[in-house]
C-alpha atoms as a PDB file:
ATOM      1  CA  UNK A   1     111.974 121.190  85.863  1.00  0.00           C
ATOM      2  CA  UNK A   2     108.381 120.778  84.822  1.00  0.00           C
ATOM      3  CA  UNK A   3     107.132 122.433  87.999  1.00  0.00           C
ATOM      4  CA  UNK A   4     109.688 125.217  88.229  1.00  0.00           C
ATOM      5  CA  UNK A   5     106.813 127.648  87.795  1.00  0.00           C
ATOM      6  CA  UNK A   6     104.275 125.748  89.877  1.00  0.00           C
ATOM      7  CA  UNK A   7     103.756 128.665  92.241  1.00  0.00           C
ATOM      8  CA  UNK A   8     103.215 131.141  89.409  1.00  0.00           C
ATOM      9  CA  UNK A   9      99.595 132.302  89.544  1.00  0.00           C
ATOM     10  CA  UNK A  10      99.388 133.090  85.838  1.00  0.00           C
ATOM     11  CA  UNK A  11      98.581 129.848  84.012  1.00  0.00           C
ATOM     12  CA  UNK A  12      99.525 131.299  80.651  1.00  0.00           C
ATOM     13  CA  UNK A  13     103.014 132.212  81.914  1.00  0.00           C
ATOM     14  CA  UNK A  14     103.417 128.689  83.252  1.00  0.00           C
ATOM     15  CA  UNK A  15     102.390 127.124  79.948  1.00  0.00           C
ATOM     16  CA  UNK A  16     104.650 129.396  77.896  1.00  0.00           C
ATOM     17  CA  UNK A  17     107.656 128.033  79.796  1.00  0.00           C
ATOM     18  CA  UNK A  18     107.241 124.792  77.837  1.00  0.00           C
ATOM     19  CA  UNK A  19     107.738 126.744  74.620  1.00  0.00           C
ATOM     20  CA  UNK A  20     111.259 127.790  75.610  1.00  0.00           C
ATOM     21  CA  UNK A  21     114.133 125.559  74.428  1.00  0.00           C
ATOM     22  CA  UNK A  22     114.844 124.378  77.970  1.00  0.00           C
ATOM     23  CA  UNK A  23     111.182 123.888  78.849  1.00  0.00           C
ATOM     24  CA  UNK A  24     110.501 122.008  75.615  1.00  0.00           C
ATOM     25  CA  UNK A  25     113.384 119.611  76.197  1.00  0.00           C
ATOM     26  CA  UNK A  26     112.470 118.980  79.834  1.00  0.00           C
ATOM     27  CA  UNK A  27     108.798 118.479  79.003  1.00  0.00           C
ATOM     28  CA  UNK A  28     109.615 116.011  76.238  1.00  0.00           C
ATOM     29  CA  UNK A  29     112.067 114.122  78.440  1.00  0.00           C
ATOM     30  CA  UNK A  30     109.573 113.770  81.267  1.00  0.00           C
ATOM     31  CA  UNK A  31     106.793 112.777  78.871  1.00  0.00           C
ATOM     32  CA  UNK A  32     108.998 110.069  77.358  1.00  0.00           C
ATOM     33  CA  UNK A  33     109.725 108.709  80.837  1.00  0.00           C
ATOM     34  CA  UNK A  34     106.009 108.714  81.668  1.00  0.00           C
ATOM     35  CA  UNK A  35     105.014 106.887  78.499  1.00  0.00           C
ATOM     36  CA  UNK A  36     107.820 104.377  78.926  1.00  0.00           C
ATOM     37  CA  UNK A  37     106.616 103.611  82.435  1.00  0.00           C
ATOM     38  CA  UNK A  38     102.901 103.566  81.713  1.00  0.00           C
ATOM     39  CA  UNK A  39     103.060 101.522  78.494  1.00  0.00           C
ATOM     40  CA  UNK A  40      99.465 102.556  77.646  1.00  0.00           C
ATOM     41  CA  UNK A  41      97.332 100.064  75.753  1.00  0.00           C
ATOM     42  CA  UNK A  42      94.900 100.970  72.955  1.00  0.00           C
ATOM     43  CA  UNK A  43      91.977 103.004  74.250  1.00  0.00           C
ATOM     44  CA  UNK A  44      93.003 102.914  77.905  1.00  0.00           C
ATOM     45  CA  UNK A  45      91.593 105.683  80.109  1.00  0.00           C
ATOM     46  CA  UNK A  46      93.888 107.976  82.087  1.00  0.00           C
ATOM     47  CA  UNK A  47      93.575 110.423  84.982  1.00  0.00           C
ATOM     48  CA  UNK A  48      96.104 113.241  85.469  1.00  0.00           C
ATOM     49  CA  UNK A  49      96.058 114.299  89.128  1.00  0.00           C
ATOM     50  CA  UNK A  50      97.180 117.885  89.758  1.00  0.00           C
ATOM     51  CA  UNK A  51      97.080 118.654  86.037  1.00  0.00           C
ATOM     52  CA  UNK A  52      97.638 122.405  86.384  1.00  0.00           C
ATOM     53  CA  UNK A  53      97.402 123.974  82.937  1.00  0.00           C
ATOM     54  CA  UNK A  54      96.892 120.590  81.297  1.00  0.00           C
ATOM     55  CA  UNK A  55     100.257 120.478  79.529  1.00  0.00           C
ATOM     56  CA  UNK A  56     100.880 116.810  80.332  1.00  0.00           C
ATOM     57  CA  UNK A  57      97.170 115.988  80.095  1.00  0.00           C
ATOM     58  CA  UNK A  58      97.102 117.123  76.476  1.00  0.00           C
ATOM     59  CA  UNK A  59     100.410 115.460  75.664  1.00  0.00           C
ATOM     60  CA  UNK A  60      99.329 112.162  77.191  1.00  0.00           C
ATOM     61  CA  UNK A  61      96.002 112.265  75.367  1.00  0.00           C
ATOM     62  CA  UNK A  62      97.805 112.751  72.061  1.00  0.00           C
ATOM     63  CA  UNK A  63     100.129 109.841  72.769  1.00  0.00           C
ATOM     64  CA  UNK A  64      97.713 107.321  74.296  1.00  0.00           C
ATOM     65  CA  UNK A  65      94.612 107.594  72.124  1.00  0.00           C
ATOM     66  CA  UNK A  66      92.211 106.953  75.010  1.00  0.00           C
ATOM     67  CA  UNK A  67      89.976 109.239  77.102  1.00  0.00           C
ATOM     68  CA  UNK A  68      91.964 111.469  79.486  1.00  0.00           C
ATOM     69  CA  UNK A  69      90.729 113.554  82.427  1.00  0.00           C
ATOM     70  CA  UNK A  70      92.778 116.167  84.250  1.00  0.00           C
ATOM     71  CA  UNK A  71      91.916 117.329  87.772  1.00  0.00           C
ATOM     72  CA  UNK A  72      93.341 120.205  89.777  1.00  0.00           C
ATOM     73  CA  UNK A  73      92.330 122.009  92.962  1.00  0.00           C
ATOM     74  CA  UNK A  74      92.799 125.437  91.312  1.00  0.00           C
ATOM     75  CA  UNK A  75      89.610 126.375  89.393  1.00  0.00           C
ATOM     76  CA  UNK A  76      91.343 129.133  87.420  1.00  0.00           C
ATOM     77  CA  UNK A  77      93.929 126.725  86.071  1.00  0.00           C
ATOM     78  CA  UNK A  78      91.229 124.191  85.227  1.00  0.00           C
ATOM     79  CA  UNK A  79      89.396 126.892  83.279  1.00  0.00           C
ATOM     80  CA  UNK A  80      92.604 127.675  81.407  1.00  0.00           C
ATOM     81  CA  UNK A  81      93.200 123.981  80.664  1.00  0.00           C
ATOM     82  CA  UNK A  82      89.694 123.607  79.265  1.00  0.00           C
ATOM     83  CA  UNK A  83      90.350 126.438  76.832  1.00  0.00           C
ATOM     84  CA  UNK A  84      93.519 124.801  75.525  1.00  0.00           C
ATOM     85  CA  UNK A  85      92.233 121.450  74.377  1.00  0.00           C
ATOM     86  CA  UNK A  86      89.184 119.441  73.514  1.00  0.00           C
ATOM     87  CA  UNK A  87      88.906 116.050  71.859  1.00  0.00           C
ATOM     88  CA  UNK A  88      89.495 113.227  74.331  1.00  0.00           C
ATOM     89  CA  UNK A  89      90.523 115.508  77.222  1.00  0.00           C
ATOM     90  CA  UNK A  90      88.251 116.915  79.911  1.00  0.00           C
ATOM     91  CA  UNK A  91      88.976 118.713  83.162  1.00  0.00           C
ATOM     92  CA  UNK A  92      87.447 118.881  86.625  1.00  0.00           C
ATOM     93  CA  UNK A  93      88.151 120.735  89.869  1.00  0.00           C
ATOM     94  CA  UNK A  94      89.090 118.121  92.480  1.00  0.00           C
ATOM     95  CA  UNK A  95      91.343 117.592  95.494  1.00  0.00           C
ATOM     96  CA  UNK A  96      94.014 114.916  95.026  1.00  0.00           C
ATOM     97  CA  UNK A  97      93.423 113.776  98.600  1.00  0.00           C
ATOM     98  CA  UNK A  98      89.736 112.993  97.965  1.00  0.00           C
ATOM     99  CA  UNK A  99      89.195 112.182  94.305  1.00  0.00           C
ATOM    100  CA  UNK A 100      85.504 112.078  93.270  1.00  0.00           C
ATOM    101  CA  UNK A 101      85.723 108.744  91.446  1.00  0.00           C
ATOM    102  CA  UNK A 102      84.918 105.141  92.192  1.00  0.00           C
ATOM    103  CA  UNK A 103      87.673 102.601  92.765  1.00  0.00           C
ATOM    104  CA  UNK A 104      89.472 101.464  89.596  1.00  0.00           C
ATOM    105  CA  UNK A 105      87.709 104.112  87.474  1.00  0.00           C
ATOM    106  CA  UNK A 106      90.782 104.608  85.245  1.00  0.00           C
ATOM    107  CA  UNK A 107      93.213 102.197  83.666  1.00  0.00           C
ATOM    108  CA  UNK A 108      96.114 104.582  84.295  1.00  0.00           C
ATOM    109  CA  UNK A 109      96.685 107.365  86.836  1.00  0.00           C
ATOM    110  CA  UNK A 110      99.550 109.857  86.756  1.00  0.00           C
ATOM    111  CA  UNK A 111     100.660 112.859  88.770  1.00  0.00           C
ATOM    112  CA  UNK A 112     103.596 114.991  87.649  1.00  0.00           C
ATOM    113  CA  UNK A 113     105.280 116.719  90.636  1.00  0.00           C
ATOM    114  CA  UNK A 114     101.961 118.125  91.879  1.00  0.00           C
ATOM    115  CA  UNK A 115     102.164 116.039  95.062  1.00  0.00           C
ATOM    116  CA  UNK A 116     105.327 117.929  96.035  1.00  0.00           C
ATOM    117  CA  UNK A 117     103.045 120.833  96.915  1.00  0.00           C
ATOM    118  CA  UNK A 118     100.422 118.827  98.831  1.00  0.00           C
ATOM    119  CA  UNK A 119     100.872 118.530 102.580  1.00  0.00           C
ATOM    120  CA  UNK A 120      99.117 115.170 102.965  1.00  0.00           C
ATOM    121  CA  UNK A 121     101.032 113.481 100.153  1.00  0.00           C
ATOM    122  CA  UNK A 122     100.407 109.947 101.409  1.00  0.00           C
ATOM    123  CA  UNK A 123      96.664 110.522 101.274  1.00  0.00           C
ATOM    124  CA  UNK A 124      97.063 111.694  97.684  1.00  0.00           C
ATOM    125  CA  UNK A 125      99.151 108.643  96.742  1.00  0.00           C
ATOM    126  CA  UNK A 126      96.571 106.395  98.356  1.00  0.00           C
ATOM    127  CA  UNK A 127      93.838 108.055  96.291  1.00  0.00           C
ATOM    128  CA  UNK A 128      95.745 107.678  93.021  1.00  0.00           C
ATOM    129  CA  UNK A 129      96.152 103.967  93.722  1.00  0.00           C
ATOM    130  CA  UNK A 130      92.492 103.596  94.704  1.00  0.00           C
ATOM    131  CA  UNK A 131      91.107 105.010  91.452  1.00  0.00           C
ATOM    132  CA  UNK A 132      93.646 103.191  89.236  1.00  0.00           C
ATOM    133  CA  UNK A 133      92.707  99.947  87.553  1.00  0.00           C
ATOM    134  CA  UNK A 134      96.064  98.878  86.120  1.00  0.00           C
ATOM    135  CA  UNK A 135      99.028 101.210  86.651  1.00  0.00           C
ATOM    136  CA  UNK A 136     100.108 104.345  88.546  1.00  0.00           C
ATOM    137  CA  UNK A 137     103.011 106.689  87.744  1.00  0.00           C
ATOM    138  CA  UNK A 138     103.953 109.490  90.140  1.00  0.00           C
ATOM    139  CA  UNK A 139     106.595 112.121  89.441  1.00  0.00           C
ATOM    140  CA  UNK A 140     108.384 113.883  92.293  1.00  0.00           C
ATOM    141  CA  UNK A 141     111.331 116.237  92.850  1.00  0.00           C
ATOM    142  CA  UNK A 142     114.654 114.578  93.732  1.00  0.00           C
ATOM    143  CA  UNK A 143     116.601 115.759  96.771  1.00  0.00           C
ATOM    144  CA  UNK A 144     119.654 113.934  95.397  1.00  0.00           C
ATOM    145  CA  UNK A 145     119.897 116.182  92.352  1.00  0.00           C
ATOM    146  CA  UNK A 146     121.753 119.205  91.107  1.00  0.00           C
ATOM    147  CA  UNK A 147     118.458 121.046  90.802  1.00  0.00           C
ATOM    148  CA  UNK A 148     117.827 120.646  94.532  1.00  0.00           C
ATOM    149  CA  UNK A 149     121.313 121.995  95.244  1.00  0.00           C
ATOM    150  CA  UNK A 150     120.558 125.054  93.092  1.00  0.00           C
ATOM    151  CA  UNK A 151     116.908 125.716  93.859  1.00  0.00           C
ATOM    152  CA  UNK A 152     115.588 123.541  96.667  1.00  0.00           C
ATOM    153  CA  UNK A 153     117.745 124.200  99.716  1.00  0.00           C
ATOM    154  CA  UNK A 154     116.589 126.282 102.699  1.00  0.00           C
ATOM    155  CA  UNK A 155     112.929 126.057 101.789  1.00  0.00           C
ATOM    156  CA  UNK A 156     113.401 126.573  98.067  1.00  0.00           C
ATOM    157  CA  UNK A 157     113.635 129.564  95.766  1.00  0.00           C
ATOM    158  CA  UNK A 158     111.153 131.050  93.322  1.00  0.00           C
ATOM    159  CA  UNK A 159     108.604 128.528  92.081  1.00  0.00           C
ATOM    160  CA  UNK A 160     110.221 125.837  94.242  1.00  0.00           C
ATOM    161  CA  UNK A 161     109.533 127.647  97.504  1.00  0.00           C
ATOM    162  CA  UNK A 162     107.667 125.322  99.822  1.00  0.00           C
ATOM    163  CA  UNK A 163     108.101 122.269  97.586  1.00  0.00           C
ATOM    164  CA  UNK A 164     108.762 118.891  99.173  1.00  0.00           C
ATOM    165  CA  UNK A 165     111.797 117.061  97.769  1.00  0.00           C
ATOM    166  CA  UNK A 166     112.274 113.297  98.105  1.00  0.00           C
ATOM    167  CA  UNK A 167     115.074 110.805  97.753  1.00  0.00           C
ATOM    168  CA  UNK A 168     114.345 107.917  95.367  1.00  0.00           C
ATOM    169  CA  UNK A 169     113.879 105.592  98.339  1.00  0.00           C
ATOM    170  CA  UNK A 170     111.443 107.984 100.024  1.00  0.00           C
ATOM    171  CA  UNK A 171     109.492 108.180  96.773  1.00  0.00           C
ATOM    172  CA  UNK A 172     109.200 104.391  96.601  1.00  0.00           C
ATOM    173  CA  UNK A 173     108.267 104.215 100.293  1.00  0.00           C
ATOM    174  CA  UNK A 174     105.126 106.281  99.598  1.00  0.00           C
ATOM    175  CA  UNK A 175     103.595 103.112  98.135  1.00  0.00           C
ATOM    176  CA  UNK A 176     104.359 100.920 101.154  1.00  0.00           C
ATOM    177  CA  UNK A 177     101.241  99.173 102.435  1.00  0.00           C
ATOM    178  CA  UNK A 178      99.218  99.869  99.291  1.00  0.00           C
ATOM    179  CA  UNK A 179      97.926  97.153  96.932  1.00  0.00           C
ATOM    180  CA  UNK A 180     100.606  97.581  94.267  1.00  0.00           C
ATOM    181  CA  UNK A 181     103.621  95.885  92.773  1.00  0.00           C
ATOM    182  CA  UNK A 182     106.393  98.443  92.555  1.00  0.00           C
ATOM    183  CA  UNK A 183     107.852  98.148  89.070  1.00  0.00           C
ATOM    184  CA  UNK A 184     110.564 100.756  88.791  1.00  0.00           C
ATOM    185  CA  UNK A 185     112.088 103.944  90.138  1.00  0.00           C
ATOM    186  CA  UNK A 186     113.771 106.142  87.530  1.00  0.00           C
ATOM    187  CA  UNK A 187     115.122 109.664  87.353  1.00  0.00           C
ATOM    188  CA  UNK A 188     115.675 112.154  84.537  1.00  0.00           C
ATOM    189  CA  UNK A 189     117.020 115.685  83.983  1.00  0.00           C
ATOM    190  CA  UNK A 190     120.435 115.142  85.552  1.00  0.00           C
ATOM    191  CA  UNK A 191     121.836 118.463  84.319  1.00  0.00           C
ATOM    192  CA  UNK A 192     118.835 120.814  84.457  1.00  0.00           C
ATOM    193  CA  UNK A 193     120.338 123.587  82.353  1.00  0.00           C
ATOM    194  CA  UNK A 194     118.950 121.989  79.211  1.00  0.00           C
ATOM    195  CA  UNK A 195     121.905 122.911  76.983  1.00  0.00           C
ATOM    196  CA  UNK A 196     123.832 120.716  74.585  1.00  0.00           C
ATOM    197  CA  UNK A 197     125.950 119.119  77.314  1.00  0.00           C
ATOM    198  CA  UNK A 198     122.854 118.360  79.396  1.00  0.00           C
ATOM    199  CA  UNK A 199     121.214 116.581  76.465  1.00  0.00           C
ATOM    200  CA  UNK A 200     124.300 114.535  75.671  1.00  0.00           C
ATOM    201  CA  UNK A 201     124.798 113.524  79.299  1.00  0.00           C
ATOM    202  CA  UNK A 202     121.134 112.617  79.655  1.00  0.00           C
ATOM    203  CA  UNK A 203     121.605 109.924  77.022  1.00  0.00           C
ATOM    204  CA  UNK A 204     124.827 108.648  78.573  1.00  0.00           C
ATOM    205  CA  UNK A 205     123.877 108.765  82.264  1.00  0.00           C
ATOM    206  CA  UNK A 206     123.637 105.289  83.868  1.00  0.00           C
ATOM    207  CA  UNK A 207     120.023 104.471  84.686  1.00  0.00           C
ATOM    208  CA  UNK A 208     120.903 103.123  88.108  1.00  0.00           C
ATOM    209  CA  UNK A 209     122.437 106.465  89.178  1.00  0.00           C
ATOM    210  CA  UNK A 210     119.352 108.239  90.488  1.00  0.00           C
ATOM    211  CA  UNK A 211     120.547 111.844  90.404  1.00  0.00           C
ATOM    212  CA  UNK A 212     118.010 113.298  87.971  1.00  0.00           C
ATOM    213  CA  UNK A 213     115.828 116.147  89.214  1.00  0.00           C
ATOM    214  CA  UNK A 214     112.657 114.264  88.205  1.00  0.00           C
ATOM    215  CA  UNK A 215     111.834 111.007  89.995  1.00  0.00           C
ATOM    216  CA  UNK A 216     109.277 108.686  88.422  1.00  0.00           C
ATOM    217  CA  UNK A 217     107.825 105.815  90.452  1.00  0.00           C
ATOM    218  CA  UNK A 218     105.728 103.299  88.505  1.00  0.00           C
ATOM    219  CA  UNK A 219     103.545 100.682  90.180  1.00  0.00           C
ATOM    220  CA  UNK A 220     100.988  98.117  89.043  1.00  0.00           C
ATOM    221  CA  UNK A 221      97.695  97.795  90.872  1.00  0.00           C
ATOM    222  CA  UNK A 222      96.969  94.370  92.332  1.00  0.00           C
ATOM    223  CA  UNK A 223      93.837  92.901  93.866  1.00  0.00           C
ATOM    224  CA  UNK A 224      94.349  92.721  97.629  1.00  0.00           C
ATOM    225  CA  UNK A 225      93.152  89.117  97.666  1.00  0.00           C
ATOM    226  CA  UNK A 226      95.675  88.112  94.984  1.00  0.00           C
ATOM    227  CA  UNK A 227      98.926  89.244  96.551  1.00  0.00           C
ATOM    228  CA  UNK A 228     100.007  91.222  99.598  1.00  0.00           C
ATOM    229  CA  UNK A 229     101.402  94.686  98.864  1.00  0.00           C
ATOM    230  CA  UNK A 230     104.752  93.869 100.478  1.00  0.00           C
ATOM    231  CA  UNK A 231     105.829  91.519  97.688  1.00  0.00           C
ATOM    232  CA  UNK A 232     109.204  90.600  96.209  1.00  0.00           C
ATOM    233  CA  UNK A 233     109.035  93.095  93.337  1.00  0.00           C
ATOM    234  CA  UNK A 234     108.334  95.949  95.726  1.00  0.00           C
ATOM    235  CA  UNK A 235     111.170  94.915  98.039  1.00  0.00           C
ATOM    236  CA  UNK A 236     113.529  94.621  95.061  1.00  0.00           C
ATOM    237  CA  UNK A 237     112.656  98.123  93.848  1.00  0.00           C
ATOM    238  CA  UNK A 238     113.101  99.550  97.333  1.00  0.00           C
ATOM    239  CA  UNK A 239     116.476  97.848  97.726  1.00  0.00           C
ATOM    240  CA  UNK A 240     117.617  99.124  94.335  1.00  0.00           C
ATOM    241  CA  UNK A 241     116.648 102.691  95.217  1.00  0.00           C
ATOM    242  CA  UNK A 242     118.337 102.423  98.612  1.00  0.00           C
ATOM    243  CA  UNK A 243     121.489 100.894  97.133  1.00  0.00           C
ATOM    244  CA  UNK A 244     121.844 103.615  94.513  1.00  0.00           C
ATOM    245  CA  UNK A 245     121.287 106.264  97.161  1.00  0.00           C
ATOM    246  CA  UNK A 246     123.949 104.779  99.444  1.00  0.00           C
ATOM    247  CA  UNK A 247     126.452 104.582  96.607  1.00  0.00           C
ATOM    248  CA  UNK A 248     125.859 108.183  95.569  1.00  0.00           C
ATOM    249  CA  UNK A 249     126.081 109.385  99.180  1.00  0.00           C
ATOM    250  CA  UNK A 250     129.387 107.568  99.644  1.00  0.00           C
ATOM    251  CA  UNK A 251     130.760 109.230  96.510  1.00  0.00           C
ATOM    252  CA  UNK A 252     129.824 112.649  97.918  1.00  0.00           C
ATOM    253  CA  UNK A 253     131.482 111.881 101.233  1.00  0.00           C
ATOM    254  CA  UNK A 254     134.668 110.733  99.566  1.00  0.00           C
ATOM    255  CA  UNK A 255     134.755 113.995  97.701  1.00  0.00           C
ATOM    256  CA  UNK A 256     134.253 115.950 100.913  1.00  0.00           C
ATOM    257  CA  UNK A 257     130.865 117.340  99.862  1.00  0.00           C
ATOM    258  CA  UNK A 258     127.566 117.278 101.720  1.00  0.00           C
ATOM    259  CA  UNK A 259     125.449 118.069  98.633  1.00  0.00           C
ATOM    260  CA  UNK A 260     125.135 116.351  95.250  1.00  0.00           C
ATOM    261  CA  UNK A 261     127.579 117.385  92.557  1.00  0.00           C
ATOM    262  CA  UNK A 262     126.753 116.348  89.017  1.00  0.00           C
END
């Protein structure tokens, strides 16, 4: 998972994980999901909230072509990120719960599993929506995944210790009451080992089966005067996430298991 080393204090060690075969595949898979959800237009600006070492910030800047800013609460990691890239990327120290930007300052806002380590996650989601002008994409860890079964139970192990895991429906519910149209809830990294079988199954896995370790929720910003946040698209996305979750849970129960098996 992209944040399997989130608690590692050495930024260089964290970044090197993406150079391993497993890390490279997972990073590319998550990036593809992000870009597919964001659908960035030419020259659009982007904010990466909880950017850490700037891995996704740099990758998104390369793919989008617009100005990209990464923010993180850890000044040492921001310093590291600044050393890794220039061009259209810049970095600032900032708290996701109180972003130092005006409303609608960025066309696109993303956060890749960083909110799993923030206690007041709803405040952070509210801030990402506030500073977004067009679209928001938030990545979270999936409690209905094989990765949770391996690494997330009983408070988590290693870099996952203390992380907050969500179901797809809980992830979508974080946007309830905010001025957005919920577009989609997707998951990726169903078999987190990253080997040949995992890559084959990733291509074959039905999109409606939300058992991937990485949840991505994508929402469009709307003007509050144009449409209430509790609109049909949001209700449809919530129902889809809930339906998939119920179906998966029923499959587990029929098999006599209390935890996901992939």
